[in-house]
PDB file of N, CA and C in Angstrom:
ATOM      1  N   MET A   1       4.118  49.996 -50.696  1.00  0.00           N
ATOM      2  CA  MET A   1       4.362  50.977 -49.797  1.00  0.00           C
ATOM      3  C   MET A   1       3.055  51.054 -48.680  1.00  0.00           C
ATOM      4  N   PRO A   2       3.813  50.735 -47.515  1.00  0.00           N
ATOM      5  CA  PRO A   2       2.435  50.806 -46.417  1.00  0.00           C
ATOM      6  C   PRO A   2       1.574  52.026 -46.498  1.00  0.00           C
ATOM      7  N   ARG A   3       0.029  51.882 -46.083  1.00  0.00           N
ATOM      8  CA  ARG A   3      -0.369  52.988 -45.682  1.00  0.00           C
ATOM      9  C   ARG A   3      -0.086  53.368 -44.024  1.00  0.00           C
ATOM     10  N   LYS A   4      -0.248  55.021 -44.388  1.00  0.00           N
ATOM     11  CA  LYS A   4       0.484  55.833 -43.348  1.00  0.00           C
ATOM     12  C   LYS A   4      -1.246  55.687 -42.358  1.00  0.00           C
ATOM     13  N   ASN A   5      -2.464  55.956 -42.592  1.00  0.00           N
ATOM     14  CA  ASN A   5      -3.279  56.561 -42.072  1.00  0.00           C
ATOM     15  C   ASN A   5      -4.559  55.321 -42.230  1.00  0.00           C
ATOM     16  N   GLY A   6      -4.444  54.060 -41.496  1.00  0.00           N
ATOM     17  CA  GLY A   6      -5.608  53.115 -41.611  1.00  0.00           C
ATOM     18  C   GLY A   6      -6.941  53.477 -40.740  1.00  0.00           C
ATOM     19  N   VAL A   7      -8.308  52.779 -41.247  1.00  0.00           N
ATOM     20  CA  VAL A   7      -9.149  53.259 -40.949  1.00  0.00           C
ATOM     21  C   VAL A   7      -9.593  52.675 -39.625  1.00  0.00           C
ATOM     22  N   MET A   8      -9.056  51.725 -39.435  1.00  0.00           N
ATOM     23  CA  MET A   8      -9.373  50.846 -37.854  1.00  0.00           C
ATOM     24  C   MET A   8      -8.284  51.296 -37.201  1.00  0.00           C
ATOM     25  N   SER A   9      -8.140  51.426 -35.827  1.00  0.00           N
ATOM     26  CA  SER A   9      -7.286  51.471 -34.712  1.00  0.00           C
ATOM     27  C   SER A   9      -6.544  50.414 -34.443  1.00  0.00           C
ATOM     28  N   ASP A  10      -5.538  50.453 -34.361  1.00  0.00           N
ATOM     29  CA  ASP A  10      -4.643  49.157 -33.744  1.00  0.00           C
ATOM     30  C   ASP A  10      -5.418  48.572 -32.604  1.00  0.00           C
ATOM     31  N   ARG A  11      -5.637  49.230 -31.843  1.00  0.00           N
ATOM     32  CA  ARG A  11      -6.829  48.754 -30.665  1.00  0.00           C
ATOM     33  C   ARG A  11      -7.619  47.931 -31.126  1.00  0.00           C
ATOM     34  N   LEU A  12      -8.764  48.127 -32.112  1.00  0.00           N
ATOM     35  CA  LEU A  12      -9.831  47.575 -32.836  1.00  0.00           C
ATOM     36  C   LEU A  12      -9.047  46.489 -33.225  1.00  0.00           C
ATOM     37  N   LYS A  13      -7.930  46.487 -34.132  1.00  0.00           N
ATOM     38  CA  LYS A  13      -7.854  45.395 -35.054  1.00  0.00           C
ATOM     39  C   LYS A  13      -7.498  44.238 -33.907  1.00  0.00           C
ATOM     40  N   VAL A  14      -6.307  44.456 -33.221  1.00  0.00           N
ATOM     41  CA  VAL A  14      -6.220  43.884 -32.051  1.00  0.00           C
ATOM     42  C   VAL A  14      -7.216  42.848 -31.472  1.00  0.00           C
ATOM     43  N   GLU A  15      -8.815  43.924 -30.701  1.00  0.00           N
ATOM     44  CA  GLU A  15      -9.593  43.059 -30.199  1.00  0.00           C
ATOM     45  C   GLU A  15     -10.407  42.085 -31.313  1.00  0.00           C
ATOM     46  N   ILE A  16     -10.268  42.432 -32.381  1.00  0.00           N
ATOM     47  CA  ILE A  16     -11.168  41.775 -33.082  1.00  0.00           C
ATOM     48  C   ILE A  16     -10.466  40.521 -33.662  1.00  0.00           C
ATOM     49  N   ALA A  17      -9.193  41.079 -33.664  1.00  0.00           N
ATOM     50  CA  ALA A  17      -8.303  39.436 -33.817  1.00  0.00           C
ATOM     51  C   ALA A  17      -8.465  38.273 -33.016  1.00  0.00           C
ATOM     52  N   LYS A  18      -8.459  38.832 -31.662  1.00  0.00           N
ATOM     53  CA  LYS A  18      -8.368  37.893 -30.622  1.00  0.00           C
ATOM     54  C   LYS A  18      -9.593  37.211 -30.609  1.00  0.00           C
ATOM     55  N   GLU A  19     -10.947  38.214 -30.851  1.00  0.00           N
ATOM     56  CA  GLU A  19     -12.339  37.687 -31.007  1.00  0.00           C
ATOM     57  C   GLU A  19     -12.474  36.386 -31.919  1.00  0.00           C
ATOM     58  N   LEU A  20     -11.755  36.856 -33.120  1.00  0.00           N
ATOM     59  CA  LEU A  20     -11.888  35.569 -33.897  1.00  0.00           C
ATOM     60  C   LEU A  20     -10.789  34.632 -34.134  1.00  0.00           C
ATOM     61  N   GLY A  21      -9.974  35.037 -33.218  1.00  0.00           N
ATOM     62  CA  GLY A  21      -8.499  33.635 -32.655  1.00  0.00           C
ATOM     63  C   GLY A  21      -7.561  33.636 -33.626  1.00  0.00           C
ATOM     64  N   PHE A  22      -7.394  35.020 -34.254  1.00  0.00           N
ATOM     65  CA  PHE A  22      -6.091  34.444 -34.998  1.00  0.00           C
ATOM     66  C   PHE A  22      -5.141  35.493 -34.491  1.00  0.00           C
ATOM     67  N   TYR A  23      -4.870  36.056 -33.524  1.00  0.00           N
ATOM     68  CA  TYR A  23      -4.452  37.045 -32.764  1.00  0.00           C
ATOM     69  C   TYR A  23      -2.583  36.500 -32.809  1.00  0.00           C
ATOM     70  N   ASP A  24      -2.668  35.176 -32.454  1.00  0.00           N
ATOM     71  CA  ASP A  24      -1.189  34.256 -32.325  1.00  0.00           C
ATOM     72  C   ASP A  24      -0.631  34.385 -33.623  1.00  0.00           C
ATOM     73  N   VAL A  25      -1.476  34.678 -34.444  1.00  0.00           N
ATOM     74  CA  VAL A  25      -0.352  34.574 -36.008  1.00  0.00           C
ATOM     75  C   VAL A  25      -0.130  36.166 -36.213  1.00  0.00           C
ATOM     76  N   VAL A  26      -0.913  37.016 -35.818  1.00  0.00           N
ATOM     77  CA  VAL A  26      -0.413  38.673 -35.656  1.00  0.00           C
ATOM     78  C   VAL A  26       0.829  38.434 -34.658  1.00  0.00           C
ATOM     79  N   GLU A  27       0.899  38.064 -33.304  1.00  0.00           N
ATOM     80  CA  GLU A  27       1.738  37.873 -32.855  1.00  0.00           C
ATOM     81  C   GLU A  27       3.211  37.558 -33.229  1.00  0.00           C
ATOM     82  N   ARG A  28       3.082  36.670 -33.832  1.00  0.00           N
ATOM     83  CA  ARG A  28       4.376  35.716 -34.521  1.00  0.00           C
ATOM     84  C   ARG A  28       4.942  36.294 -35.996  1.00  0.00           C
ATOM     85  N   GLU A  29       3.556  36.773 -36.767  1.00  0.00           N
ATOM     86  CA  GLU A  29       3.970  37.088 -37.814  1.00  0.00           C
ATOM     87  C   GLU A  29       4.061  38.587 -38.440  1.00  0.00           C
ATOM     88  N   GLY A  30       2.980  39.152 -37.498  1.00  0.00           N
ATOM     89  CA  GLY A  30       2.521  40.680 -37.737  1.00  0.00           C
ATOM     90  C   GLY A  30       1.261  40.362 -38.758  1.00  0.00           C
ATOM     91  N   TRP A  31       0.708  41.632 -38.804  1.00  0.00           N
ATOM     92  CA  TRP A  31      -0.417  41.849 -39.869  1.00  0.00           C
ATOM     93  C   TRP A  31      -0.566  41.270 -41.330  1.00  0.00           C
ATOM     94  N   GLY A  32       0.481  41.056 -41.833  1.00  0.00           N
ATOM     95  CA  GLY A  32       0.712  40.654 -43.381  1.00  0.00           C
ATOM     96  C   GLY A  32       0.758  39.100 -43.105  1.00  0.00           C
ATOM     97  N   GLY A  33       0.694  38.438 -42.027  1.00  0.00           N
ATOM     98  CA  GLY A  33       0.901  36.960 -42.299  1.00  0.00           C
ATOM     99  C   GLY A  33      -0.456  36.524 -41.990  1.00  0.00           C
ATOM    100  N   ILE A  34      -1.534  37.264 -41.804  1.00  0.00           N
ATOM    101  CA  ILE A  34      -3.078  36.814 -41.562  1.00  0.00           C
ATOM    102  C   ILE A  34      -3.401  36.168 -43.080  1.00  0.00           C
ATOM    103  N   LYS A  35      -4.282  35.332 -43.178  1.00  0.00           N
ATOM    104  CA  LYS A  35      -5.101  34.840 -44.187  1.00  0.00           C
ATOM    105  C   LYS A  35      -6.137  36.030 -44.838  1.00  0.00           C
ATOM    106  N   SER A  36      -6.038  35.999 -46.081  1.00  0.00           N
ATOM    107  CA  SER A  36      -6.981  36.995 -46.591  1.00  0.00           C
ATOM    108  C   SER A  36      -8.365  36.631 -46.215  1.00  0.00           C
ATOM    109  N   ARG A  37      -8.668  35.368 -45.868  1.00  0.00           N
ATOM    110  CA  ARG A  37     -10.364  35.322 -45.281  1.00  0.00           C
ATOM    111  C   ARG A  37     -10.031  35.718 -43.893  1.00  0.00           C
ATOM    112  N   ASP A  38      -9.382  35.531 -43.081  1.00  0.00           N
ATOM    113  CA  ASP A  38      -8.895  36.515 -41.608  1.00  0.00           C
ATOM    114  C   ASP A  38      -9.337  37.943 -41.636  1.00  0.00           C
ATOM    115  N   ALA A  39      -8.753  38.241 -42.859  1.00  0.00           N
ATOM    116  CA  ALA A  39      -8.587  39.750 -42.904  1.00  0.00           C
ATOM    117  C   ALA A  39      -9.966  40.391 -43.457  1.00  0.00           C
ATOM    118  N   GLY A  40     -10.747  39.511 -44.385  1.00  0.00           N
ATOM    119  CA  GLY A  40     -12.057  39.672 -44.871  1.00  0.00           C
ATOM    120  C   GLY A  40     -13.116  39.625 -43.425  1.00  0.00           C
ATOM    121  N   ASN A  41     -12.866  38.091 -42.838  1.00  0.00           N
ATOM    122  CA  ASN A  41     -13.638  38.436 -41.571  1.00  0.00           C
ATOM    123  C   ASN A  41     -13.610  39.900 -40.779  1.00  0.00           C
ATOM    124  N   MET A  42     -12.200  40.086 -40.299  1.00  0.00           N
ATOM    125  CA  MET A  42     -12.016  40.942 -39.326  1.00  0.00           C
ATOM    126  C   MET A  42     -12.869  42.234 -39.885  1.00  0.00           C
ATOM    127  N   VAL A  43     -12.543  42.770 -41.377  1.00  0.00           N
ATOM    128  CA  VAL A  43     -13.498  43.881 -41.958  1.00  0.00           C
ATOM    129  C   VAL A  43     -14.485  43.397 -41.850  1.00  0.00           C
ATOM    130  N   LYS A  44     -15.389  42.661 -41.788  1.00  0.00           N
ATOM    131  CA  LYS A  44     -17.049  42.390 -41.482  1.00  0.00           C
ATOM    132  C   LYS A  44     -17.425  42.561 -40.563  1.00  0.00           C
ATOM    133  N   ARG A  45     -16.362  42.054 -39.300  1.00  0.00           N
ATOM    134  CA  ARG A  45     -16.840  42.359 -37.987  1.00  0.00           C
ATOM    135  C   ARG A  45     -16.992  43.624 -37.384  1.00  0.00           C
ATOM    136  N   ALA A  46     -16.099  43.945 -38.213  1.00  0.00           N
ATOM    137  CA  ALA A  46     -15.944  45.882 -37.448  1.00  0.00           C
ATOM    138  C   ALA A  46     -16.940  46.188 -38.432  1.00  0.00           C
ATOM    139  N   VAL A  47     -17.532  46.298 -39.427  1.00  0.00           N
ATOM    140  CA  VAL A  47     -18.761  47.083 -40.109  1.00  0.00           C
ATOM    141  C   VAL A  47     -19.846  46.619 -39.423  1.00  0.00           C
ATOM    142  N   GLU A  48     -20.061  44.850 -38.966  1.00  0.00           N
ATOM    143  CA  GLU A  48     -20.879  45.099 -38.050  1.00  0.00           C
ATOM    144  C   GLU A  48     -21.262  45.751 -36.802  1.00  0.00           C
ATOM    145  N   MET A  49     -19.733  45.413 -35.886  1.00  0.00           N
ATOM    146  CA  MET A  49     -19.726  46.652 -35.064  1.00  0.00           C
ATOM    147  C   MET A  49     -19.998  48.067 -35.095  1.00  0.00           C
ATOM    148  N   ALA A  50     -19.579  48.590 -36.034  1.00  0.00           N
ATOM    149  CA  ALA A  50     -19.881  50.462 -36.287  1.00  0.00           C
ATOM    150  C   ALA A  50     -21.719  50.069 -36.760  1.00  0.00           C
ATOM    151  N   GLU A  51     -22.091  49.152 -37.278  1.00  0.00           N
ATOM    152  CA  GLU A  51     -23.450  49.228 -37.645  1.00  0.00           C
ATOM    153  C   GLU A  51     -24.075  49.086 -36.025  1.00  0.00           C
ATOM    154  N   THR A  52     -24.130  47.898 -35.121  1.00  0.00           N
ATOM    155  CA  THR A  52     -24.657  48.149 -34.401  1.00  0.00           C
ATOM    156  C   THR A  52     -24.452  49.359 -33.200  1.00  0.00           C
ATOM    157  N   GLY A  53     -23.381  49.865 -33.488  1.00  0.00           N
ATOM    158  CA  GLY A  53     -23.157  51.354 -32.978  1.00  0.00           C
ATOM    159  C   GLY A  53     -23.783  52.225 -33.003  1.00  0.00           C
ATOM    160  N   LEU A  54     -24.196  52.085 -34.513  1.00  0.00           N
ATOM    161  CA  LEU A  54     -25.070  53.492 -35.219  1.00  0.00           C
ATOM    162  C   LEU A  54     -26.458  53.288 -34.801  1.00  0.00           C
ATOM    163  N   MET A  55     -26.777  52.373 -34.431  1.00  0.00           N
ATOM    164  CA  MET A  55     -27.994  51.390 -34.668  1.00  0.00           C
ATOM    165  C   MET A  55     -28.355  52.013 -32.931  1.00  0.00           C
ATOM    166  N   ASN A  56     -27.308  51.782 -31.937  1.00  0.00           N
ATOM    167  CA  ASN A  56     -27.859  51.971 -30.933  1.00  0.00           C
ATOM    168  C   ASN A  56     -27.695  53.370 -30.493  1.00  0.00           C
ATOM    169  N   GLY A  57     -26.587  54.192 -31.239  1.00  0.00           N
ATOM    170  CA  GLY A  57     -27.156  55.699 -31.272  1.00  0.00           C
ATOM    171  C   GLY A  57     -28.267  56.267 -32.053  1.00  0.00           C
ATOM    172  N   LYS A  58     -28.777  55.584 -32.533  1.00  0.00           N
ATOM    173  CA  LYS A  58     -30.164  56.178 -33.227  1.00  0.00           C
ATOM    174  C   LYS A  58     -31.294  55.813 -32.122  1.00  0.00           C
ATOM    175  N   ASN A  59     -31.006  54.981 -31.737  1.00  0.00           N
ATOM    176  CA  ASN A  59     -32.464  54.627 -30.575  1.00  0.00           C
ATOM    177  C   ASN A  59     -31.925  55.252 -29.470  1.00  0.00           C
ATOM    178  N   GLN A  60     -31.127  55.535 -28.737  1.00  0.00           N
ATOM    179  CA  GLN A  60     -30.574  56.727 -28.030  1.00  0.00           C
ATOM    180  C   GLN A  60     -31.505  58.062 -27.613  1.00  0.00           C
ATOM    181  N   SER A  61     -31.385  58.496 -29.337  1.00  0.00           N
ATOM    182  CA  SER A  61     -31.659  59.713 -29.612  1.00  0.00           C
ATOM    183  C   SER A  61     -33.276  60.251 -29.617  1.00  0.00           C
ATOM    184  N   LYS A  62     -34.189  58.875 -29.600  1.00  0.00           N
ATOM    185  CA  LYS A  62     -35.482  59.031 -29.577  1.00  0.00           C
ATOM    186  C   LYS A  62     -35.980  59.224 -28.524  1.00  0.00           C
TER     187      LYS A  62
END
């Protein structure tokens, strides 16, 4: 059963997939066609981006 509400936006997923170099697989086979390792790397990158954003937000408030 597919999830209705994902945590990451489609735009963010596409951006990260392009950055990590597997967006061609997504275009051909959909998100279900990516390797588990690629999915894990995508989540890792999203967390890094979120942490960087949080750190930048904290620095700006000082």
